[in-house]
Amino acid sequence: MNNELTKYLETIENEAKMIVKKSIKAMCIKENITEKLKENDQMEWVKKMNQFKNIAEEIVMKELIFV
């Protein structure tokens, strides 16, 4: 039983990480956040990436974890 639970939780964790990663990538494309921005204005790039990460994690929590 314990092994099954561990495998299930690992699966959910991997799925959550994948969704967050894909969501951040999609938001970067939509908002045109590129490596060029990172070179020119690092603080703005960090601000946007943190914002996107928070949004993506909130989506995962609502749709995958707290179902």
Protein backbone atom coordinates (compact mmCIF):
# COMPACT_ATOMS: atom_id res chain seq x y z
CA MET A 1 0.00 0.00 0.00
CA ASN A 2 2.74 2.48 0.95
CA ASN A 3 4.62 1.83 -2.29
CA GLU A 4 1.47 2.45 -4.34
CA LEU A 5 0.86 5.77 -2.58
CA THR A 6 4.46 6.84 -3.16
CA LYS A 7 4.22 6.02 -6.87
CA TYR A 8 0.92 7.89 -7.15
CA LEU A 9 2.31 10.97 -5.41
CA GLU A 10 5.43 10.92 -7.60
CA THR A 11 3.21 10.76 -10.68
CA ILE A 12 1.15 13.73 -9.51
CA GLU A 13 4.29 15.70 -8.65
CA ASN A 14 5.83 15.05 -12.08
CA GLU A 15 2.59 15.99 -13.82
CA ALA A 16 2.35 19.20 -11.78
CA LYS A 17 5.94 20.18 -12.61
CA MET A 18 5.33 19.52 -16.30
CA ILE A 19 2.18 21.66 -16.33
CA VAL A 20 3.95 24.52 -14.53
CA LYS A 21 6.86 24.38 -16.97
CA LYS A 22 4.57 24.35 -20.03
CA SER A 23 2.41 27.14 -18.62
CA ILE A 24 5.41 29.38 -17.96
CA LYS A 25 6.70 28.74 -21.47
CA ALA A 26 3.30 29.59 -22.96
CA MET A 27 3.04 32.80 -20.93
CA CYS A 28 6.55 33.82 -22.03
CA ILE A 29 5.59 33.34 -25.65
CA LYS A 30 2.30 35.23 -25.22
CA GLU A 31 3.96 38.16 -23.42
CA ASN A 32 7.09 38.08 -25.63
CA ILE A 33 9.47 37.53 -22.70
CA THR A 34 12.77 36.50 -24.27
CA GLU A 35 16.42 36.09 -23.42
CA LYS A 36 16.93 39.52 -24.96
CA LEU A 37 14.83 41.04 -22.17
CA LYS A 38 16.92 39.08 -19.69
CA GLU A 39 20.07 40.63 -21.12
CA ASN A 40 18.67 44.17 -21.27
CA ASP A 41 16.54 44.38 -18.12
CA GLN A 42 17.22 41.55 -15.69
CA MET A 43 14.95 42.86 -12.94
CA GLU A 44 11.95 43.08 -15.27
CA TRP A 45 12.69 39.56 -16.55
CA VAL A 46 12.89 38.17 -13.00
CA LYS A 47 9.68 39.99 -12.06
CA LYS A 48 7.82 38.52 -15.03
CA MET A 49 9.20 35.00 -14.52
CA ASN A 50 8.22 35.03 -10.84
CA GLN A 51 4.77 36.29 -11.77
CA PHE A 52 4.35 33.55 -14.37
CA LYS A 53 5.56 30.88 -11.94
CA ASN A 54 3.09 32.01 -9.29
CA ILE A 55 0.22 31.99 -11.77
CA ALA A 56 1.15 28.56 -13.11
CA GLU A 57 1.48 27.08 -9.61
CA GLU A 58 -1.90 28.50 -8.62
CA ILE A 59 -3.49 26.91 -11.69
CA VAL A 60 -1.94 23.55 -10.83
CA MET A 61 -3.12 23.78 -7.23
CA LYS A 62 -6.68 24.53 -8.30
CA GLU A 63 -6.92 22.05 -11.18
CA LEU A 64 -4.71 19.17 -10.09
CA ILE A 65 -4.15 19.19 -6.34
CA PHE A 66 -7.39 20.55 -4.85
CA VAL A 67 -9.76 18.61 -7.10
